[in-house]
PDB file of all heavy atoms in Angstrom:
ATOM      1  N   CYS A   1     -52.648   6.056 -28.126  1.00  0.00           N
ATOM      2  CA  CYS A   1     -52.238   6.963 -29.192  1.00  0.00           C
ATOM      3  C   CYS A   1     -51.385   8.107 -28.652  1.00  0.00           C
ATOM      4  O   CYS A   1     -50.330   8.408 -29.182  1.00  0.00           O
ATOM      5  CB  CYS A   1     -53.467   7.498 -29.911  1.00  0.00           C
ATOM      6  SG  CYS A   1     -53.123   8.717 -31.189  1.00  0.00           S
ATOM      7  N   HIS A   2     -51.862   8.743 -27.578  1.00  0.00           N
ATOM      8  CA  HIS A   2     -51.164   9.910 -27.047  1.00  0.00           C
ATOM      9  C   HIS A   2     -50.149   9.587 -25.966  1.00  0.00           C
ATOM     10  O   HIS A   2     -49.308  10.428 -25.640  1.00  0.00           O
ATOM     11  CB  HIS A   2     -52.173  10.931 -26.499  1.00  0.00           C
ATOM     12  CG  HIS A   2     -52.925  11.615 -27.578  1.00  0.00           C
ATOM     13  ND1 HIS A   2     -54.289  11.717 -27.575  1.00  0.00           N
ATOM     14  CD2 HIS A   2     -52.510  12.222 -28.714  1.00  0.00           C
ATOM     15  CE1 HIS A   2     -54.675  12.366 -28.656  1.00  0.00           C
ATOM     16  NE2 HIS A   2     -53.622  12.672 -29.359  1.00  0.00           N
ATOM     17  N   ASN A   3     -50.247   8.402 -25.385  1.00  0.00           N
ATOM     18  CA  ASN A   3     -49.337   8.002 -24.304  1.00  0.00           C
ATOM     19  C   ASN A   3     -49.257   9.063 -23.207  1.00  0.00           C
ATOM     20  O   ASN A   3     -48.201   9.270 -22.616  1.00  0.00           O
ATOM     21  CB  ASN A   3     -47.928   7.719 -24.840  1.00  0.00           C
ATOM     22  CG  ASN A   3     -47.918   6.598 -25.838  1.00  0.00           C
ATOM     23  OD1 ASN A   3     -48.519   5.554 -25.618  1.00  0.00           O
ATOM     24  ND2 ASN A   3     -47.254   6.817 -26.960  1.00  0.00           N
ATOM     25  N   THR A   4     -50.366   9.753 -22.967  1.00  0.00           N
ATOM     26  CA  THR A   4     -50.355  10.835 -21.989  1.00  0.00           C
ATOM     27  C   THR A   4     -50.671  10.354 -20.584  1.00  0.00           C
ATOM     28  O   THR A   4     -50.487  11.097 -19.629  1.00  0.00           O
ATOM     29  CB  THR A   4     -51.384  11.921 -22.361  1.00  0.00           C
ATOM     30  OG1 THR A   4     -52.680  11.315 -22.468  1.00  0.00           O
ATOM     31  CG2 THR A   4     -51.023  12.596 -23.663  1.00  0.00           C
ATOM     32  N   LYS A   5     -51.159   9.118 -20.479  1.00  0.00           N
ATOM     33  CA  LYS A   5     -51.556   8.619 -19.177  1.00  0.00           C
ATOM     34  C   LYS A   5     -51.674   7.114 -19.253  1.00  0.00           C
ATOM     35  O   LYS A   5     -51.599   6.533 -20.321  1.00  0.00           O
ATOM     36  CB  LYS A   5     -52.886   9.230 -18.743  1.00  0.00           C
ATOM     37  CG  LYS A   5     -54.064   8.849 -19.621  1.00  0.00           C
ATOM     38  CD  LYS A   5     -55.289   9.670 -19.271  1.00  0.00           C
ATOM     39  CE  LYS A   5     -56.567   8.928 -19.545  1.00  0.00           C
ATOM     40  NZ  LYS A   5     -57.015   8.058 -18.492  1.00  0.00           N
ATOM     41  N   SER A   6     -51.858   6.500 -18.100  1.00  0.00           N
ATOM     42  CA  SER A   6     -52.166   5.072 -18.083  1.00  0.00           C
ATOM     43  C   SER A   6     -53.677   4.928 -17.944  1.00  0.00           C
ATOM     44  O   SER A   6     -54.386   5.893 -17.691  1.00  0.00           O
ATOM     45  CB  SER A   6     -51.429   4.378 -16.937  1.00  0.00           C
ATOM     46  OG  SER A   6     -51.786   4.951 -15.704  1.00  0.00           O
ATOM     47  N   PHE A   7     -54.170   3.716 -18.120  1.00  0.00           N
ATOM     48  CA  PHE A   7     -55.609   3.499 -18.030  1.00  0.00           C
ATOM     49  C   PHE A   7     -56.120   3.854 -16.644  1.00  0.00           C
ATOM     50  O   PHE A   7     -55.505   3.511 -15.637  1.00  0.00           O
ATOM     51  CB  PHE A   7     -55.956   2.033 -18.331  1.00  0.00           C
ATOM     52  CG  PHE A   7     -55.839   1.683 -19.784  1.00  0.00           C
ATOM     53  CD1 PHE A   7     -54.736   1.016 -20.264  1.00  0.00           C
ATOM     54  CD2 PHE A   7     -56.842   2.022 -20.677  1.00  0.00           C
ATOM     55  CE1 PHE A   7     -54.623   0.680 -21.597  1.00  0.00           C
ATOM     56  CE2 PHE A   7     -56.751   1.696 -22.018  1.00  0.00           C
ATOM     57  CZ  PHE A   7     -55.633   1.022 -22.475  1.00  0.00           C
ATOM     58  N   ASP A   8     -57.255   4.556 -16.597  1.00  0.00           N
ATOM     59  CA  ASP A   8     -57.922   4.828 -15.323  1.00  0.00           C
ATOM     60  C   ASP A   8     -58.332   3.502 -14.695  1.00  0.00           C
ATOM     61  O   ASP A   8     -58.637   2.537 -15.406  1.00  0.00           O
ATOM     62  CB  ASP A   8     -59.163   5.696 -15.530  1.00  0.00           C
ATOM     63  CG  ASP A   8     -58.823   7.131 -15.914  1.00  0.00           C
ATOM     64  OD1 ASP A   8     -57.678   7.562 -15.672  1.00  0.00           O
ATOM     65  OD2 ASP A   8     -59.709   7.810 -16.464  1.00  0.00           O
ATOM     66  N   ASP A   9     -58.355   3.463 -13.385  1.00  0.00           N
ATOM     67  CA  ASP A   9     -58.677   2.219 -12.679  1.00  0.00           C
ATOM     68  C   ASP A   9     -59.988   1.599 -13.144  1.00  0.00           C
ATOM     69  O   ASP A   9     -60.057   0.395 -13.388  1.00  0.00           O
ATOM     70  CB  ASP A   9     -58.725   2.442 -11.163  1.00  0.00           C
ATOM     71  CG  ASP A   9     -57.335   2.632 -10.567  1.00  0.00           C
ATOM     72  OD1 ASP A   9     -56.337   2.238 -11.226  1.00  0.00           O
ATOM     73  OD2 ASP A   9     -57.243   3.182  -9.462  1.00  0.00           O
ATOM     74  N   GLU A  10     -61.032   2.412 -13.290  1.00  0.00           N
ATOM     75  CA  GLU A  10     -62.342   1.862 -13.671  1.00  0.00           C
ATOM     76  C   GLU A  10     -62.395   1.430 -15.138  1.00  0.00           C
ATOM     77  O   GLU A  10     -63.316   0.731 -15.545  1.00  0.00           O
ATOM     78  CB  GLU A  10     -63.484   2.832 -13.356  1.00  0.00           C
ATOM     79  CG  GLU A  10     -63.512   4.087 -14.199  1.00  0.00           C
ATOM     80  CD  GLU A  10     -62.684   5.239 -13.647  1.00  0.00           C
ATOM     81  OE1 GLU A  10     -61.992   5.073 -12.628  1.00  0.00           O
ATOM     82  OE2 GLU A  10     -62.724   6.322 -14.253  1.00  0.00           O
ATOM     83  N   LEU A  11     -61.403   1.832 -15.932  1.00  0.00           N
ATOM     84  CA  LEU A  11     -61.356   1.448 -17.346  1.00  0.00           C
ATOM     85  C   LEU A  11     -60.143   0.573 -17.673  1.00  0.00           C
ATOM     86  O   LEU A  11     -59.840   0.340 -18.838  1.00  0.00           O
ATOM     87  CB  LEU A  11     -61.359   2.700 -18.228  1.00  0.00           C
ATOM     88  CG  LEU A  11     -62.620   3.560 -18.163  1.00  0.00           C
ATOM     89  CD1 LEU A  11     -62.417   4.876 -18.895  1.00  0.00           C
ATOM     90  CD2 LEU A  11     -63.811   2.813 -18.712  1.00  0.00           C
ATOM     91  N   ARG A  12     -59.483   0.056 -16.658  1.00  0.00           N
ATOM     92  CA  ARG A  12     -58.288  -0.761 -16.869  1.00  0.00           C
ATOM     93  C   ARG A  12     -58.564  -1.998 -17.721  1.00  0.00           C
ATOM     94  O   ARG A  12     -57.690  -2.494 -18.429  1.00  0.00           O
ATOM     95  CB  ARG A  12     -57.675  -1.180 -15.525  1.00  0.00           C
ATOM     96  CG  ARG A  12     -56.430  -2.028 -15.706  1.00  0.00           C
ATOM     97  CD  ARG A  12     -55.390  -1.881 -14.655  1.00  0.00           C
ATOM     98  NE  ARG A  12     -54.987  -0.562 -14.299  1.00  0.00           N
ATOM     99  CZ  ARG A  12     -54.081   0.160 -14.965  1.00  0.00           C
ATOM    100  NH1 ARG A  12     -53.531  -0.306 -16.040  1.00  0.00           N
ATOM    101  NH2 ARG A  12     -53.743   1.350 -14.533  1.00  0.00           N
ATOM    102  N   TYR A  13     -59.792  -2.517 -17.668  1.00  0.00           N
ATOM    103  CA  TYR A  13     -60.160  -3.697 -18.438  1.00  0.00           C
ATOM    104  C   TYR A  13     -59.964  -3.498 -19.941  1.00  0.00           C
ATOM    105  O   TYR A  13     -59.787  -4.457 -20.687  1.00  0.00           O
ATOM    106  CB  TYR A  13     -61.611  -4.104 -18.148  1.00  0.00           C
ATOM    107  CG  TYR A  13     -62.633  -3.079 -18.564  1.00  0.00           C
ATOM    108  CD1 TYR A  13     -63.189  -3.092 -19.833  1.00  0.00           C
ATOM    109  CD2 TYR A  13     -63.031  -2.073 -17.683  1.00  0.00           C
ATOM    110  CE1 TYR A  13     -64.118  -2.138 -20.222  1.00  0.00           C
ATOM    111  CE2 TYR A  13     -63.960  -1.126 -18.058  1.00  0.00           C
ATOM    112  CZ  TYR A  13     -64.501  -1.164 -19.326  1.00  0.00           C
ATOM    113  OH  TYR A  13     -65.409  -0.212 -19.709  1.00  0.00           O
ATOM    114  N   ILE A  14     -59.960  -2.254 -20.398  1.00  0.00           N
ATOM    115  CA  ILE A  14     -59.773  -1.980 -21.825  1.00  0.00           C
ATOM    116  C   ILE A  14     -58.402  -2.457 -22.290  1.00  0.00           C
ATOM    117  O   ILE A  14     -58.247  -2.921 -23.416  1.00  0.00           O
ATOM    118  CB  ILE A  14     -59.963  -0.482 -22.124  1.00  0.00           C
ATOM    119  CG1 ILE A  14     -61.375  -0.057 -21.773  1.00  0.00           C
ATOM    120  CG2 ILE A  14     -59.674  -0.171 -23.588  1.00  0.00           C
ATOM    121  CD1 ILE A  14     -61.590   1.427 -21.812  1.00  0.00           C
ATOM    122  N   GLU A  15     -57.422  -2.381 -21.418  1.00  0.00           N
ATOM    123  CA  GLU A  15     -56.087  -2.868 -21.769  1.00  0.00           C
ATOM    124  C   GLU A  15     -56.139  -4.357 -22.087  1.00  0.00           C
ATOM    125  O   GLU A  15     -55.534  -4.811 -23.059  1.00  0.00           O
ATOM    126  CB  GLU A  15     -55.106  -2.592 -20.629  1.00  0.00           C
ATOM    127  CG  GLU A  15     -53.678  -2.983 -20.945  1.00  0.00           C
ATOM    128  CD  GLU A  15     -52.713  -2.552 -19.856  1.00  0.00           C
ATOM    129  OE1 GLU A  15     -53.140  -2.339 -18.698  1.00  0.00           O
ATOM    130  OE2 GLU A  15     -51.522  -2.428 -20.177  1.00  0.00           O
ATOM    131  N   ASN A  16     -56.887  -5.120 -21.289  1.00  0.00           N
ATOM    132  CA  ASN A  16     -57.040  -6.550 -21.560  1.00  0.00           C
ATOM    133  C   ASN A  16     -57.791  -6.784 -22.863  1.00  0.00           C
ATOM    134  O   ASN A  16     -57.438  -7.675 -23.641  1.00  0.00           O
ATOM    135  CB  ASN A  16     -57.754  -7.251 -20.408  1.00  0.00           C
ATOM    136  CG  ASN A  16     -56.907  -7.285 -19.157  1.00  0.00           C
ATOM    137  OD1 ASN A  16     -55.688  -7.260 -19.209  1.00  0.00           O
ATOM    138  ND2 ASN A  16     -57.564  -7.308 -18.015  1.00  0.00           N
ATOM    139  N   PHE A  17     -58.844  -5.993 -23.088  1.00  0.00           N
ATOM    140  CA  PHE A  17     -59.599  -6.119 -24.340  1.00  0.00           C
ATOM    141  C   PHE A  17     -58.687  -5.845 -25.536  1.00  0.00           C
ATOM    142  O   PHE A  17     -58.726  -6.551 -26.534  1.00  0.00           O
ATOM    143  CB  PHE A  17     -60.782  -5.149 -24.362  1.00  0.00           C
ATOM    144  CG  PHE A  17     -61.945  -5.561 -23.515  1.00  0.00           C
ATOM    145  CD1 PHE A  17     -61.941  -6.728 -22.769  1.00  0.00           C
ATOM    146  CD2 PHE A  17     -63.072  -4.765 -23.462  1.00  0.00           C
ATOM    147  CE1 PHE A  17     -63.037  -7.095 -21.993  1.00  0.00           C
ATOM    148  CE2 PHE A  17     -64.171  -5.129 -22.692  1.00  0.00           C
ATOM    149  CZ  PHE A  17     -64.153  -6.298 -21.963  1.00  0.00           C
ATOM    150  N   TYR A  18     -57.856  -4.810 -25.416  1.00  0.00           N
ATOM    151  CA  TYR A  18     -56.940  -4.487 -26.509  1.00  0.00           C
ATOM    152  C   TYR A  18     -55.944  -5.630 -26.727  1.00  0.00           C
ATOM    153  O   TYR A  18     -55.714  -6.050 -27.859  1.00  0.00           O
ATOM    154  CB  TYR A  18     -56.198  -3.174 -26.239  1.00  0.00           C
ATOM    155  CG  TYR A  18     -55.132  -2.910 -27.264  1.00  0.00           C
ATOM    156  CD1 TYR A  18     -55.463  -2.512 -28.550  1.00  0.00           C
ATOM    157  CD2 TYR A  18     -53.791  -3.106 -26.961  1.00  0.00           C
ATOM    158  CE1 TYR A  18     -54.493  -2.306 -29.509  1.00  0.00           C
ATOM    159  CE2 TYR A  18     -52.810  -2.897 -27.908  1.00  0.00           C
ATOM    160  CZ  TYR A  18     -53.165  -2.499 -29.187  1.00  0.00           C
ATOM    161  OH  TYR A  18     -52.196  -2.305 -30.134  1.00  0.00           O
ATOM    162  N   ASN A  19     -55.364  -6.124 -25.649  1.00  0.00           N
ATOM    163  CA  ASN A  19     -54.414  -7.233 -25.774  1.00  0.00           C
ATOM    164  C   ASN A  19     -55.069  -8.462 -26.403  1.00  0.00           C
ATOM    165  O   ASN A  19     -54.447  -9.158 -27.219  1.00  0.00           O
ATOM    166  CB  ASN A  19     -53.806  -7.590 -24.413  1.00  0.00           C
ATOM    167  CG  ASN A  19     -52.874  -6.510 -23.911  1.00  0.00           C
ATOM    168  OD1 ASN A  19     -52.314  -5.722 -24.684  1.00  0.00           O
ATOM    169  ND2 ASN A  19     -52.722  -6.416 -22.604  1.00  0.00           N
ATOM    170  N   ASP A  20     -56.315  -8.722 -26.038  1.00  0.00           N
ATOM    171  CA  ASP A  20     -57.059  -9.828 -26.658  1.00  0.00           C
ATOM    172  C   ASP A  20     -57.250  -9.586 -28.152  1.00  0.00           C
ATOM    173  O   ASP A  20     -57.201 -10.523 -28.947  1.00  0.00           O
ATOM    174  CB  ASP A  20     -58.437  -9.994 -26.012  1.00  0.00           C
ATOM    175  CG  ASP A  20     -58.379 -10.588 -24.620  1.00  0.00           C
ATOM    176  OD1 ASP A  20     -57.310 -11.057 -24.197  1.00  0.00           O
ATOM    177  OD2 ASP A  20     -59.427 -10.561 -23.939  1.00  0.00           O
ATOM    178  N   SER A  21     -57.461  -8.347 -28.535  1.00  0.00           N
ATOM    179  CA  SER A  21     -57.677  -8.042 -29.952  1.00  0.00           C
ATOM    180  C   SER A  21     -56.387  -8.195 -30.755  1.00  0.00           C
ATOM    181  O   SER A  21     -56.429  -8.553 -31.928  1.00  0.00           O
ATOM    182  CB  SER A  21     -58.254  -6.634 -30.127  1.00  0.00           C
ATOM    183  OG  SER A  21     -57.278  -5.640 -29.913  1.00  0.00           O
ATOM    184  N   VAL A  22     -55.247  -7.954 -30.120  1.00  0.00           N
ATOM    185  CA  VAL A  22     -53.960  -8.122 -30.792  1.00  0.00           C
ATOM    186  C   VAL A  22     -53.741  -9.599 -31.137  1.00  0.00           C
ATOM    187  O   VAL A  22     -53.216  -9.928 -32.193  1.00  0.00           O
ATOM    188  CB  VAL A  22     -52.800  -7.570 -29.926  1.00  0.00           C
ATOM    189  CG1 VAL A  22     -51.441  -7.954 -30.487  1.00  0.00           C
ATOM    190  CG2 VAL A  22     -52.916  -6.056 -29.799  1.00  0.00           C
ATOM    191  N   SER A  23     -54.192 -10.481 -30.253  1.00  0.00           N
ATOM    192  CA  SER A  23     -54.057 -11.915 -30.520  1.00  0.00           C
ATOM    193  C   SER A  23     -55.273 -12.470 -31.266  1.00  0.00           C
ATOM    194  O   SER A  23     -55.407 -13.668 -31.434  1.00  0.00           O
ATOM    195  CB  SER A  23     -53.852 -12.675 -29.210  1.00  0.00           C
ATOM    196  OG  SER A  23     -54.965 -12.522 -28.370  1.00  0.00           O
ATOM    197  N   TRP A  24     -56.156 -11.595 -31.701  1.00  0.00           N
ATOM    198  CA  TRP A  24     -57.350 -11.925 -32.483  1.00  0.00           C
ATOM    199  C   TRP A  24     -58.334 -12.800 -31.702  1.00  0.00           C
ATOM    200  O   TRP A  24     -59.116 -13.553 -32.274  1.00  0.00           O
ATOM    201  CB  TRP A  24     -56.981 -12.561 -33.825  1.00  0.00           C
ATOM    202  CG  TRP A  24     -56.271 -11.578 -34.703  1.00  0.00           C
ATOM    203  CD1 TRP A  24     -54.967 -11.191 -34.588  1.00  0.00           C
ATOM    204  CD2 TRP A  24     -56.809 -10.815 -35.765  1.00  0.00           C
ATOM    205  NE1 TRP A  24     -54.664 -10.231 -35.529  1.00  0.00           N
ATOM    206  CE2 TRP A  24     -55.783  -9.998 -36.272  1.00  0.00           C
ATOM    207  CE3 TRP A  24     -58.068 -10.749 -36.352  1.00  0.00           C
ATOM    208  CZ2 TRP A  24     -55.978  -9.126 -37.324  1.00  0.00           C
ATOM    209  CZ3 TRP A  24     -58.251  -9.888 -37.415  1.00  0.00           C
ATOM    210  CH2 TRP A  24     -57.212  -9.084 -37.886  1.00  0.00           C
ATOM    211  N   ASP A  25     -58.311 -12.692 -30.375  1.00  0.00           N
ATOM    212  CA  ASP A  25     -59.261 -13.422 -29.534  1.00  0.00           C
ATOM    213  C   ASP A  25     -60.535 -12.611 -29.288  1.00  0.00           C
ATOM    214  O   ASP A  25     -61.550 -13.166 -28.886  1.00  0.00           O
ATOM    215  CB  ASP A  25     -58.637 -13.766 -28.171  1.00  0.00           C
ATOM    216  CG  ASP A  25     -57.565 -14.821 -28.288  1.00  0.00           C
ATOM    217  OD1 ASP A  25     -57.632 -15.636 -29.222  1.00  0.00           O
ATOM    218  OD2 ASP A  25     -56.652 -14.825 -27.437  1.00  0.00           O
ATOM    219  N   ARG A  26     -60.464 -11.324 -29.484  1.00  0.00           N
ATOM    220  CA  ARG A  26     -61.618 -10.453 -29.243  1.00  0.00           C
ATOM    221  C   ARG A  26     -61.633  -9.368 -30.313  1.00  0.00           C
ATOM    222  O   ARG A  26     -60.625  -8.746 -30.602  1.00  0.00           O
ATOM    223  CB  ARG A  26     -61.529  -9.796 -27.866  1.00  0.00           C
ATOM    224  CG  ARG A  26     -62.704  -8.877 -27.555  1.00  0.00           C
ATOM    225  CD  ARG A  26     -62.512  -8.133 -26.249  1.00  0.00           C
ATOM    226  NE  ARG A  26     -62.126  -8.988 -25.158  1.00  0.00           N
ATOM    227  CZ  ARG A  26     -62.978  -9.567 -24.300  1.00  0.00           C
ATOM    228  NH1 ARG A  26     -64.262  -9.370 -24.440  1.00  0.00           N
ATOM    229  NH2 ARG A  26     -62.533 -10.323 -23.327  1.00  0.00           N
ATOM    230  N   LYS A  27     -62.801  -9.155 -30.872  1.00  0.00           N
ATOM    231  CA  LYS A  27     -62.971  -8.094 -31.861  1.00  0.00           C
ATOM    232  C   LYS A  27     -63.429  -6.832 -31.141  1.00  0.00           C
ATOM    233  O   LYS A  27     -64.411  -6.851 -30.403  1.00  0.00           O
ATOM    234  CB  LYS A  27     -64.019  -8.519 -32.877  1.00  0.00           C
ATOM    235  CG  LYS A  27     -64.311  -7.517 -33.960  1.00  0.00           C
ATOM    236  CD  LYS A  27     -65.341  -8.144 -34.885  1.00  0.00           C
ATOM    237  CE  LYS A  27     -65.775  -7.288 -35.998  1.00  0.00           C
ATOM    238  NZ  LYS A  27     -66.782  -7.982 -36.818  1.00  0.00           N
ATOM    239  N   LEU A  28     -62.697  -5.749 -31.328  1.00  0.00           N
ATOM    240  CA  LEU A  28     -63.095  -4.449 -30.798  1.00  0.00           C
ATOM    241  C   LEU A  28     -63.797  -3.686 -31.910  1.00  0.00           C
ATOM    242  O   LEU A  28     -63.332  -3.665 -33.054  1.00  0.00           O
ATOM    243  CB  LEU A  28     -61.889  -3.656 -30.309  1.00  0.00           C
ATOM    244  CG  LEU A  28     -61.164  -4.205 -29.091  1.00  0.00           C
ATOM    245  CD1 LEU A  28     -59.992  -3.307 -28.734  1.00  0.00           C
ATOM    246  CD2 LEU A  28     -62.106  -4.344 -27.915  1.00  0.00           C
ATOM    247  N   ILE A  29     -64.911  -3.064 -31.575  1.00  0.00           N
ATOM    248  CA  ILE A  29     -65.705  -2.338 -32.557  1.00  0.00           C
ATOM    249  C   ILE A  29     -65.871  -0.897 -32.094  1.00  0.00           C
ATOM    250  O   ILE A  29     -66.162  -0.645 -30.928  1.00  0.00           O
ATOM    251  CB  ILE A  29     -67.089  -2.993 -32.719  1.00  0.00           C
ATOM    252  CG1 ILE A  29     -66.933  -4.445 -33.166  1.00  0.00           C
ATOM    253  CG2 ILE A  29     -67.960  -2.204 -33.701  1.00  0.00           C
ATOM    254  CD1 ILE A  29     -68.197  -5.259 -33.044  1.00  0.00           C
ATOM    255  N   SER A  30     -65.679   0.006 -33.022  1.00  0.00           N
ATOM    256  CA  SER A  30     -65.958   1.423 -32.763  1.00  0.00           C
ATOM    257  C   SER A  30     -67.050   1.851 -33.727  1.00  0.00           C
ATOM    258  O   SER A  30     -66.953   1.627 -34.931  1.00  0.00           O
ATOM    259  CB  SER A  30     -64.705   2.258 -32.999  1.00  0.00           C
ATOM    260  OG  SER A  30     -65.023   3.629 -32.941  1.00  0.00           O
ATOM    261  N   LEU A  31     -68.086   2.445 -33.211  1.00  0.00           N
ATOM    262  CA  LEU A  31     -69.132   2.996 -34.071  1.00  0.00           C
ATOM    263  C   LEU A  31     -68.639   4.322 -34.641  1.00  0.00           C
ATOM    264  O   LEU A  31     -68.084   5.149 -33.910  1.00  0.00           O
ATOM    265  CB  LEU A  31     -70.419   3.210 -33.278  1.00  0.00           C
ATOM    266  CG  LEU A  31     -71.008   1.969 -32.615  1.00  0.00           C
ATOM    267  CD1 LEU A  31     -72.199   2.347 -31.758  1.00  0.00           C
ATOM    268  CD2 LEU A  31     -71.388   0.937 -33.654  1.00  0.00           C
ATOM    269  N   ASN A  32     -68.818   4.524 -35.941  1.00  0.00           N
ATOM    270  CA  ASN A  32     -68.300   5.759 -36.540  1.00  0.00           C
ATOM    271  C   ASN A  32     -68.929   7.012 -35.928  1.00  0.00           C
ATOM    272  O   ASN A  32     -68.284   8.042 -35.826  1.00  0.00           O
ATOM    273  CB  ASN A  32     -68.432   5.745 -38.063  1.00  0.00           C
ATOM    274  CG  ASN A  32     -69.851   5.703 -38.553  1.00  0.00           C
ATOM    275  OD1 ASN A  32     -70.795   5.480 -37.792  1.00  0.00           O
ATOM    276  ND2 ASN A  32     -70.012   5.889 -39.849  1.00  0.00           N
ATOM    277  N   HIS A  33     -70.168   6.908 -35.467  1.00  0.00           N
ATOM    278  CA  HIS A  33     -70.808   8.053 -34.800  1.00  0.00           C
ATOM    279  C   HIS A  33     -70.058   8.423 -33.520  1.00  0.00           C
ATOM    280  O   HIS A  33     -69.786   9.601 -33.270  1.00  0.00           O
ATOM    281  CB  HIS A  33     -72.267   7.720 -34.477  1.00  0.00           C
ATOM    282  CG  HIS A  33     -72.915   8.717 -33.579  1.00  0.00           C
ATOM    283  ND1 HIS A  33     -73.266   9.977 -34.003  1.00  0.00           N
ATOM    284  CD2 HIS A  33     -73.256   8.648 -32.267  1.00  0.00           C
ATOM    285  CE1 HIS A  33     -73.799  10.643 -32.995  1.00  0.00           C
ATOM    286  NE2 HIS A  33     -73.814   9.861 -31.932  1.00  0.00           N
ATOM    287  N   LEU A  34     -69.710   7.404 -32.726  1.00  0.00           N
ATOM    288  CA  LEU A  34     -68.994   7.682 -31.475  1.00  0.00           C
ATOM    289  C   LEU A  34     -67.573   8.167 -31.762  1.00  0.00           C
ATOM    290  O   LEU A  34     -67.063   9.048 -31.066  1.00  0.00           O
ATOM    291  CB  LEU A  34     -68.983   6.445 -30.577  1.00  0.00           C
ATOM    292  CG  LEU A  34     -70.359   5.965 -30.123  1.00  0.00           C
ATOM    293  CD1 LEU A  34     -70.227   4.768 -29.193  1.00  0.00           C
ATOM    294  CD2 LEU A  34     -71.139   7.072 -29.442  1.00  0.00           C
ATOM    295  N   LEU A  35     -66.945   7.609 -32.781  1.00  0.00           N
ATOM    296  CA  LEU A  35     -65.614   8.075 -33.161  1.00  0.00           C
ATOM    297  C   LEU A  35     -65.646   9.547 -33.545  1.00  0.00           C
ATOM    298  O   LEU A  35     -64.783  10.320 -33.128  1.00  0.00           O
ATOM    299  CB  LEU A  35     -65.061   7.228 -34.309  1.00  0.00           C
ATOM    300  CG  LEU A  35     -63.703   7.650 -34.858  1.00  0.00           C
ATOM    301  CD1 LEU A  35     -62.633   7.633 -33.772  1.00  0.00           C
ATOM    302  CD2 LEU A  35     -63.313   6.752 -36.025  1.00  0.00           C
ATOM    303  N   SER A  36     -66.649   9.960 -34.286  1.00  0.00           N
ATOM    304  CA  SER A  36     -66.740  11.375 -34.676  1.00  0.00           C
ATOM    305  C   SER A  36     -66.929  12.268 -33.447  1.00  0.00           C
ATOM    306  O   SER A  36     -66.373  13.367 -33.388  1.00  0.00           O
ATOM    307  CB  SER A  36     -67.863  11.600 -35.692  1.00  0.00           C
ATOM    308  OG  SER A  36     -69.123  11.389 -35.109  1.00  0.00           O
ATOM    309  N   ARG A  37     -67.688  11.795 -32.471  1.00  0.00           N
ATOM    310  CA  ARG A  37     -67.873  12.582 -31.244  1.00  0.00           C
ATOM    311  C   ARG A  37     -66.565  12.701 -30.457  1.00  0.00           C
ATOM    312  O   ARG A  37     -66.247  13.765 -29.913  1.00  0.00           O
ATOM    313  CB  ARG A  37     -68.957  11.956 -30.377  1.00  0.00           C
ATOM    314  CG  ARG A  37     -70.346  12.162 -30.987  1.00  0.00           C
ATOM    315  CD  ARG A  37     -71.462  11.641 -30.145  1.00  0.00           C
ATOM    316  NE  ARG A  37     -71.420  12.151 -28.781  1.00  0.00           N
ATOM    317  CZ  ARG A  37     -71.982  11.520 -27.748  1.00  0.00           C
ATOM    318  NH1 ARG A  37     -72.619  10.381 -27.918  1.00  0.00           N
ATOM    319  NH2 ARG A  37     -71.914  12.030 -26.549  1.00  0.00           N
TER     320      ARG A  37
END
C-alpha cells in the first residue's frame, strides 16, 4: 500500500502468499480485530 519498503527478510514469504492469492491459489484472511489494531 505505502511502497515505503520491501519485505523484511523474515517476512518475505508474504510476497509469495500474496502472489498466490492473485492467482486464486491461496486465500488470504485478515481478522477485523487485527486490522483495527
